[in-house]
Amino acid sequence: MFGNNPAETRMSGGGITYYLEQARERSNARMIVIDPRYTDTAAGREDEWIPIRPGTDAALVAGIAWVLINENLVDQPFLDKYCVGYDETTLPEGAPANGHYKAYILGHGGGCHRQNLGMGRSYHRDPRRPYYQAGAGDRYG
């Protein structure tokens, strides 16, 4: 869980934490909670809690992206079909050279530095397919 704290924010009686537990039992998935606080969503349900420092979320995401790209773990067909600007093949016409996300993450574009990347190396090694959910507010159902 990253950017989502359903036990404290989805209190409409929908029982989201019950459904989360049911899904984990069926899939035997690990739950890694990334949050500065040890929240009610974690509350002993987590396999691992990463108490990220406030304001470092983007660095962690960039690090995870760097590992996925460098270790060839991205779902390229998905990115080709659904993402605009991920790499040179999905850039809109007229976009600047190396103006895509992949170049940024790899340090070929502007702003992202290699020494800050690679933070997510140990979290993608689980052979089961990961599920990432971020910011699942009411507008998503």
N, C-alpha and C. Protein backbone atom coordinates (compact mmCIF):
# COMPACT_ATOMS: atom_id res chain seq x y z
N MET A 1 0.84 -1.17 0.00
CA MET A 1 0.00 0.00 0.00
C MET A 1 0.89 1.23 0.00
N PHE A 2 0.65 2.07 -0.97
CA PHE A 2 1.45 3.28 -1.10
C PHE A 2 0.50 4.37 -1.55
N GLY A 3 0.32 5.40 -0.73
CA GLY A 3 -0.60 6.47 -1.09
C GLY A 3 -2.05 6.09 -0.85
N ASN A 4 -2.27 5.08 -0.02
CA ASN A 4 -3.62 4.61 0.23
C ASN A 4 -3.68 4.09 1.66
N ASN A 5 -4.66 4.56 2.42
CA ASN A 5 -4.82 4.15 3.80
C ASN A 5 -6.30 3.90 4.04
N PRO A 6 -6.84 2.80 3.47
CA PRO A 6 -8.29 2.60 3.50
C PRO A 6 -8.88 2.44 4.89
N ALA A 7 -8.15 1.90 5.85
CA ALA A 7 -8.70 1.73 7.19
C ALA A 7 -9.03 3.06 7.86
N GLU A 8 -8.31 4.12 7.49
CA GLU A 8 -8.54 5.42 8.09
C GLU A 8 -9.29 6.38 7.17
N THR A 9 -9.35 6.09 5.89
CA THR A 9 -9.97 7.05 4.97
C THR A 9 -11.23 6.54 4.30
N ARG A 10 -11.48 5.25 4.33
CA ARG A 10 -12.68 4.68 3.69
C ARG A 10 -13.58 4.13 4.78
N MET A 11 -14.13 5.02 5.59
CA MET A 11 -14.88 4.60 6.77
C MET A 11 -16.39 4.64 6.55
N SER A 12 -16.81 4.33 5.34
CA SER A 12 -18.24 4.42 5.03
C SER A 12 -18.99 3.14 5.38
N GLY A 13 -18.33 2.21 6.04
CA GLY A 13 -19.01 0.97 6.38
C GLY A 13 -18.90 -0.07 5.29
N GLY A 14 -18.09 0.20 4.29
CA GLY A 14 -17.94 -0.73 3.18
C GLY A 14 -17.07 -1.93 3.49
N GLY A 15 -16.34 -1.89 4.59
CA GLY A 15 -15.54 -3.04 4.99
C GLY A 15 -14.35 -3.31 4.09
N ILE A 16 -13.69 -2.25 3.61
CA ILE A 16 -12.59 -2.43 2.67
C ILE A 16 -11.46 -3.27 3.27
N THR A 17 -11.20 -3.14 4.57
CA THR A 17 -10.11 -3.93 5.16
C THR A 17 -10.48 -5.41 5.22
N TYR A 18 -11.77 -5.72 5.39
CA TYR A 18 -12.21 -7.11 5.34
C TYR A 18 -11.93 -7.69 3.97
N TYR A 19 -12.29 -6.96 2.93
CA TYR A 19 -12.06 -7.44 1.56
C TYR A 19 -10.57 -7.53 1.24
N LEU A 20 -9.80 -6.65 1.80
CA LEU A 20 -8.35 -6.71 1.63
C LEU A 20 -7.81 -8.00 2.23
N GLU A 21 -8.24 -8.33 3.44
CA GLU A 21 -7.80 -9.57 4.08
C GLU A 21 -8.24 -10.80 3.28
N GLN A 22 -9.47 -10.79 2.78
CA GLN A 22 -9.95 -11.92 1.98
C GLN A 22 -9.11 -12.10 0.72
N ALA A 23 -8.80 -11.00 0.06
CA ALA A 23 -7.98 -11.06 -1.16
C ALA A 23 -6.58 -11.58 -0.85
N ARG A 24 -6.02 -11.15 0.25
CA ARG A 24 -4.67 -11.63 0.63
C ARG A 24 -4.68 -13.11 0.93
N GLU A 25 -5.73 -13.60 1.59
CA GLU A 25 -5.81 -15.03 1.89
C GLU A 25 -5.92 -15.85 0.62
N ARG A 26 -6.72 -15.37 -0.34
CA ARG A 26 -6.90 -16.10 -1.60
C ARG A 26 -5.62 -16.11 -2.43
N SER A 27 -4.89 -15.02 -2.42
CA SER A 27 -3.73 -14.89 -3.30
C SER A 27 -2.41 -15.21 -2.62
N ASN A 28 -2.41 -15.26 -1.30
CA ASN A 28 -1.18 -15.44 -0.53
C ASN A 28 -0.17 -14.33 -0.85
N ALA A 29 -0.67 -13.14 -1.15
CA ALA A 29 0.19 -12.01 -1.51
C ALA A 29 0.80 -11.39 -0.25
N ARG A 30 1.97 -10.83 -0.42
CA ARG A 30 2.59 -10.05 0.65
C ARG A 30 2.03 -8.64 0.61
N MET A 31 1.91 -8.02 1.78
CA MET A 31 1.46 -6.63 1.81
C MET A 31 2.58 -5.79 2.41
N ILE A 32 3.07 -4.87 1.59
CA ILE A 32 4.10 -3.93 2.02
C ILE A 32 3.42 -2.57 2.15
N VAL A 33 3.46 -2.00 3.33
CA VAL A 33 2.85 -0.70 3.59
C VAL A 33 3.95 0.35 3.60
N ILE A 34 3.81 1.34 2.73
CA ILE A 34 4.78 2.44 2.65
C ILE A 34 4.07 3.68 3.14
N ASP A 35 4.43 4.12 4.33
CA ASP A 35 3.76 5.26 4.96
C ASP A 35 4.65 5.77 6.09
N PRO A 36 4.72 7.07 6.29
CA PRO A 36 5.51 7.58 7.42
C PRO A 36 4.97 7.10 8.77
N ARG A 37 3.67 6.88 8.82
CA ARG A 37 3.03 6.45 10.08
C ARG A 37 2.67 4.98 10.02
N TYR A 38 2.69 4.32 11.16
CA TYR A 38 2.19 2.96 11.26
C TYR A 38 0.68 3.07 11.42
N THR A 39 -0.04 2.95 10.33
CA THR A 39 -1.47 3.26 10.30
C THR A 39 -2.34 2.06 10.66
N ASP A 40 -3.64 2.33 10.80
CA ASP A 40 -4.60 1.26 11.05
C ASP A 40 -4.67 0.28 9.89
N THR A 41 -4.34 0.72 8.69
CA THR A 41 -4.33 -0.20 7.55
C THR A 41 -3.25 -1.25 7.74
N ALA A 42 -2.10 -0.86 8.26
CA ALA A 42 -1.04 -1.83 8.54
C ALA A 42 -1.47 -2.69 9.73
N ALA A 43 -1.56 -2.11 10.89
CA ALA A 43 -2.08 -2.72 12.13
C ALA A 43 -1.89 -4.23 12.23
N GLY A 44 -0.70 -4.71 11.94
CA GLY A 44 -0.44 -6.14 12.06
C GLY A 44 -0.79 -6.94 10.82
N ARG A 45 -1.42 -6.31 9.84
CA ARG A 45 -1.77 -7.00 8.59
C ARG A 45 -0.58 -7.05 7.63
N GLU A 46 0.35 -6.11 7.82
CA GLU A 46 1.44 -5.95 6.86
C GLU A 46 2.50 -7.03 7.04
N ASP A 47 3.15 -7.38 5.93
CA ASP A 47 4.33 -8.23 6.00
C ASP A 47 5.57 -7.38 6.22
N GLU A 48 5.49 -6.15 5.74
CA GLU A 48 6.60 -5.23 5.92
C GLU A 48 6.06 -3.81 5.92
N TRP A 49 6.60 -3.00 6.81
CA TRP A 49 6.26 -1.57 6.87
C TRP A 49 7.52 -0.79 6.54
N ILE A 50 7.43 0.09 5.57
CA ILE A 50 8.54 0.96 5.20
C ILE A 50 8.17 2.37 5.65
N PRO A 51 8.76 2.84 6.75
CA PRO A 51 8.42 4.17 7.27
C PRO A 51 9.15 5.26 6.50
N ILE A 52 8.69 5.50 5.29
CA ILE A 52 9.31 6.48 4.40
C ILE A 52 9.27 7.86 5.04
N ARG A 53 10.30 8.63 4.79
CA ARG A 53 10.33 10.00 5.31
C ARG A 53 9.37 10.86 4.50
N PRO A 54 8.61 11.73 5.15
CA PRO A 54 7.71 12.61 4.41
C PRO A 54 8.47 13.40 3.35
N GLY A 55 7.88 13.47 2.17
CA GLY A 55 8.48 14.22 1.08
C GLY A 55 9.42 13.41 0.21
N THR A 56 9.62 12.13 0.52
CA THR A 56 10.53 11.31 -0.29
C THR A 56 9.79 10.32 -1.19
N ASP A 57 8.48 10.44 -1.29
CA ASP A 57 7.67 9.52 -2.09
C ASP A 57 8.16 9.45 -3.54
N ALA A 58 8.38 10.61 -4.14
CA ALA A 58 8.78 10.64 -5.55
C ALA A 58 10.13 9.97 -5.75
N ALA A 59 11.04 10.12 -4.81
CA ALA A 59 12.35 9.47 -4.92
C ALA A 59 12.21 7.95 -4.87
N LEU A 60 11.34 7.46 -4.00
CA LEU A 60 11.12 6.02 -3.93
C LEU A 60 10.51 5.50 -5.23
N VAL A 61 9.50 6.19 -5.74
CA VAL A 61 8.87 5.77 -7.00
C VAL A 61 9.89 5.79 -8.13
N ALA A 62 10.73 6.82 -8.20
CA ALA A 62 11.76 6.89 -9.23
C ALA A 62 12.75 5.73 -9.08
N GLY A 63 13.08 5.38 -7.85
CA GLY A 63 13.99 4.26 -7.61
C GLY A 63 13.39 2.94 -8.05
N ILE A 64 12.11 2.73 -7.75
CA ILE A 64 11.44 1.51 -8.19
C ILE A 64 11.39 1.47 -9.71
N ALA A 65 11.06 2.59 -10.34
CA ALA A 65 11.02 2.65 -11.81
C ALA A 65 12.39 2.35 -12.40
N TRP A 66 13.44 2.88 -11.79
CA TRP A 66 14.81 2.66 -12.28
C TRP A 66 15.15 1.16 -12.28
N VAL A 67 14.80 0.48 -11.17
CA VAL A 67 15.07 -0.95 -11.08
C VAL A 67 14.26 -1.71 -12.12
N LEU A 68 12.98 -1.40 -12.25
CA LEU A 68 12.13 -2.10 -13.22
C LEU A 68 12.66 -1.93 -14.64
N ILE A 69 13.10 -0.72 -14.99
CA ILE A 69 13.62 -0.47 -16.33
C ILE A 69 14.96 -1.17 -16.53
N ASN A 70 15.89 -0.99 -15.61
CA ASN A 70 17.24 -1.55 -15.76
C ASN A 70 17.28 -3.07 -15.70
N GLU A 71 16.35 -3.67 -15.00
CA GLU A 71 16.33 -5.12 -14.91
C GLU A 71 15.30 -5.73 -15.85
N ASN A 72 14.84 -4.93 -16.81
CA ASN A 72 13.93 -5.39 -17.86
C ASN A 72 12.67 -6.05 -17.31
N LEU A 73 12.06 -5.43 -16.33
CA LEU A 73 10.87 -5.98 -15.68
C LEU A 73 9.60 -5.21 -16.00
N VAL A 74 9.68 -4.22 -16.89
CA VAL A 74 8.48 -3.46 -17.25
C VAL A 74 7.60 -4.29 -18.18
N ASP A 75 6.32 -4.03 -18.15
CA ASP A 75 5.37 -4.68 -19.05
C ASP A 75 5.27 -3.81 -20.30
N GLN A 76 6.21 -3.99 -21.21
CA GLN A 76 6.31 -3.12 -22.38
C GLN A 76 5.04 -3.10 -23.23
N PRO A 77 4.38 -4.25 -23.50
CA PRO A 77 3.13 -4.19 -24.28
C PRO A 77 2.06 -3.31 -23.61
N PHE A 78 1.95 -3.38 -22.28
CA PHE A 78 1.01 -2.53 -21.55
C PHE A 78 1.37 -1.06 -21.72
N LEU A 79 2.64 -0.74 -21.53
CA LEU A 79 3.10 0.65 -21.67
C LEU A 79 2.87 1.17 -23.08
N ASP A 80 3.15 0.34 -24.08
CA ASP A 80 2.95 0.74 -25.48
C ASP A 80 1.48 1.04 -25.76
N LYS A 81 0.60 0.27 -25.15
CA LYS A 81 -0.83 0.41 -25.43
C LYS A 81 -1.49 1.55 -24.65
N TYR A 82 -1.10 1.74 -23.39
CA TYR A 82 -1.85 2.64 -22.52
C TYR A 82 -1.12 3.91 -22.07
N CYS A 83 0.17 4.03 -22.33
CA CYS A 83 0.92 5.17 -21.80
C CYS A 83 1.44 6.08 -22.91
N VAL A 84 1.29 7.36 -22.71
CA VAL A 84 1.83 8.36 -23.63
C VAL A 84 3.04 8.99 -22.94
N GLY A 85 4.18 8.98 -23.63
CA GLY A 85 5.36 9.63 -23.10
C GLY A 85 6.25 8.75 -22.25
N TYR A 86 5.99 7.43 -22.23
CA TYR A 86 6.87 6.55 -21.45
C TYR A 86 8.25 6.46 -22.08
N ASP A 87 8.30 6.23 -23.39
CA ASP A 87 9.59 6.14 -24.09
C ASP A 87 9.48 6.85 -25.44
N GLU A 88 10.55 6.76 -26.24
CA GLU A 88 10.58 7.49 -27.50
C GLU A 88 9.47 7.06 -28.46
N THR A 89 9.00 5.81 -28.36
CA THR A 89 7.95 5.35 -29.28
C THR A 89 6.57 5.88 -28.91
N THR A 90 6.39 6.32 -27.67
CA THR A 90 5.07 6.81 -27.25
C THR A 90 5.02 8.32 -27.03
N LEU A 91 6.10 9.01 -27.39
CA LEU A 91 6.11 10.47 -27.27
C LEU A 91 5.21 11.10 -28.31
N PRO A 92 4.46 12.12 -27.95
CA PRO A 92 3.66 12.84 -28.94
C PRO A 92 4.58 13.54 -29.95
N GLU A 93 4.07 13.74 -31.13
CA GLU A 93 4.83 14.43 -32.17
C GLU A 93 5.23 15.82 -31.69
N GLY A 94 6.45 16.20 -31.95
CA GLY A 94 6.94 17.52 -31.57
C GLY A 94 7.51 17.61 -30.17
N ALA A 95 7.45 16.52 -29.41
CA ALA A 95 8.02 16.53 -28.06
C ALA A 95 9.54 16.58 -28.15
N PRO A 96 10.20 17.19 -27.18
CA PRO A 96 11.66 17.28 -27.24
C PRO A 96 12.33 15.91 -27.14
N ALA A 97 13.49 15.78 -27.76
CA ALA A 97 14.27 14.54 -27.67
C ALA A 97 14.58 14.26 -26.20
N ASN A 98 14.53 13.02 -25.83
CA ASN A 98 14.75 12.59 -24.44
C ASN A 98 13.78 13.25 -23.47
N GLY A 99 12.61 13.62 -23.95
CA GLY A 99 11.60 14.23 -23.10
C GLY A 99 10.64 13.21 -22.52
N HIS A 100 10.97 11.95 -22.60
CA HIS A 100 10.08 10.91 -22.10
C HIS A 100 10.50 10.44 -20.70
N TYR A 101 9.59 9.74 -20.03
CA TYR A 101 9.79 9.31 -18.65
C TYR A 101 10.99 8.37 -18.50
N LYS A 102 11.15 7.45 -19.44
CA LYS A 102 12.26 6.50 -19.36
C LYS A 102 13.60 7.23 -19.37
N ALA A 103 13.76 8.22 -20.25
CA ALA A 103 15.01 8.99 -20.30
C ALA A 103 15.23 9.73 -18.98
N TYR A 104 14.17 10.28 -18.43
CA TYR A 104 14.26 10.99 -17.15
C TYR A 104 14.77 10.05 -16.05
N ILE A 105 14.15 8.87 -15.95
CA ILE A 105 14.52 7.91 -14.92
C ILE A 105 15.95 7.40 -15.10
N LEU A 106 16.36 7.19 -16.35
CA LEU A 106 17.70 6.66 -16.60
C LEU A 106 18.78 7.73 -16.55
N GLY A 107 18.38 8.98 -16.32
CA GLY A 107 19.35 10.06 -16.21
C GLY A 107 19.76 10.65 -17.54
N HIS A 108 19.02 10.33 -18.62
CA HIS A 108 19.33 10.87 -19.94
C HIS A 108 18.55 12.14 -20.23
N GLY A 109 17.50 12.36 -19.45
CA GLY A 109 16.72 13.60 -19.57
C GLY A 109 17.18 14.55 -18.48
N GLY A 110 16.37 15.52 -18.15
CA GLY A 110 16.77 16.47 -17.11
C GLY A 110 16.20 16.09 -15.76
N GLY A 111 16.94 16.36 -14.71
CA GLY A 111 16.37 16.35 -13.37
C GLY A 111 16.53 15.12 -12.52
N CYS A 112 16.72 13.94 -13.07
CA CYS A 112 16.79 12.74 -12.25
C CYS A 112 18.25 12.27 -12.18
N HIS A 113 18.74 11.98 -11.00
CA HIS A 113 20.15 11.65 -10.82
C HIS A 113 20.31 10.20 -10.40
N ARG A 114 21.23 9.50 -11.04
CA ARG A 114 21.45 8.07 -10.79
C ARG A 114 21.72 7.73 -9.34
N GLN A 115 22.46 8.55 -8.64
CA GLN A 115 22.81 8.20 -7.26
C GLN A 115 21.58 8.14 -6.35
N ASN A 116 20.45 8.69 -6.77
CA ASN A 116 19.23 8.65 -5.95
C ASN A 116 18.35 7.46 -6.29
N LEU A 117 18.76 6.65 -7.26
CA LEU A 117 17.89 5.59 -7.76
C LEU A 117 18.33 4.21 -7.28
N GLY A 118 17.50 3.22 -7.55
CA GLY A 118 17.82 1.85 -7.16
C GLY A 118 17.26 1.46 -5.81
N MET A 119 16.43 2.31 -5.20
CA MET A 119 15.90 2.04 -3.86
C MET A 119 14.94 0.85 -3.83
N GLY A 120 14.32 0.54 -4.95
CA GLY A 120 13.28 -0.49 -4.94
C GLY A 120 13.75 -1.87 -5.32
N ARG A 121 15.04 -2.11 -5.37
CA ARG A 121 15.58 -3.37 -5.89
C ARG A 121 15.03 -4.60 -5.18
N SER A 122 14.89 -4.61 -3.88
CA SER A 122 14.50 -5.83 -3.17
C SER A 122 13.00 -6.09 -3.19
N TYR A 123 12.19 -5.13 -3.59
CA TYR A 123 10.75 -5.31 -3.45
C TYR A 123 10.07 -5.88 -4.68
N HIS A 124 10.77 -6.02 -5.78
CA HIS A 124 10.15 -6.58 -6.97
C HIS A 124 10.55 -8.02 -7.18
N ARG A 125 11.35 -8.60 -6.33
CA ARG A 125 11.91 -9.93 -6.55
C ARG A 125 10.92 -11.06 -6.25
N ASP A 126 9.80 -10.78 -5.66
CA ASP A 126 8.81 -11.80 -5.39
C ASP A 126 8.32 -12.35 -6.73
N PRO A 127 8.32 -13.67 -6.92
CA PRO A 127 7.95 -14.23 -8.23
C PRO A 127 6.49 -14.01 -8.60
N ARG A 128 5.65 -13.71 -7.60
CA ARG A 128 4.25 -13.43 -7.93
C ARG A 128 4.15 -12.04 -8.51
N ARG A 129 3.17 -11.85 -9.35
CA ARG A 129 3.00 -10.55 -9.99
C ARG A 129 2.56 -9.51 -8.96
N PRO A 130 3.20 -8.35 -8.92
CA PRO A 130 2.82 -7.35 -7.92
C PRO A 130 1.54 -6.62 -8.30
N TYR A 131 0.88 -6.10 -7.28
CA TYR A 131 -0.29 -5.25 -7.49
C TYR A 131 -0.01 -3.97 -6.74
N TYR A 132 -0.05 -2.86 -7.44
CA TYR A 132 0.18 -1.56 -6.82
C TYR A 132 -1.12 -0.77 -6.87
N GLN A 133 -1.52 -0.20 -5.74
CA GLN A 133 -2.71 0.63 -5.70
C GLN A 133 -2.33 1.93 -5.04
N ALA A 134 -2.61 3.01 -5.72
CA ALA A 134 -2.26 4.31 -5.17
C ALA A 134 -3.45 5.25 -5.24
N GLY A 135 -3.71 5.95 -4.19
CA GLY A 135 -4.72 7.00 -4.18
C GLY A 135 -6.10 6.56 -4.61
N ALA A 136 -6.57 5.45 -4.09
CA ALA A 136 -7.88 4.94 -4.49
C ALA A 136 -8.98 5.71 -3.78
N GLY A 137 -9.23 6.90 -4.22
CA GLY A 137 -10.28 7.72 -3.63
C GLY A 137 -11.65 7.30 -4.12
N ASP A 138 -12.69 7.99 -3.64
CA ASP A 138 -14.06 7.64 -4.00
C ASP A 138 -14.32 7.70 -5.49
N ARG A 139 -13.59 8.53 -6.21
CA ARG A 139 -13.86 8.65 -7.64
C ARG A 139 -13.53 7.38 -8.41
N TYR A 140 -12.82 6.43 -7.77
CA TYR A 140 -12.47 5.19 -8.44
C TYR A 140 -13.43 4.05 -8.10
N GLY A 141 -14.43 4.34 -7.31
CA GLY A 141 -15.41 3.30 -7.03
C GLY A 141 -15.31 2.79 -5.70
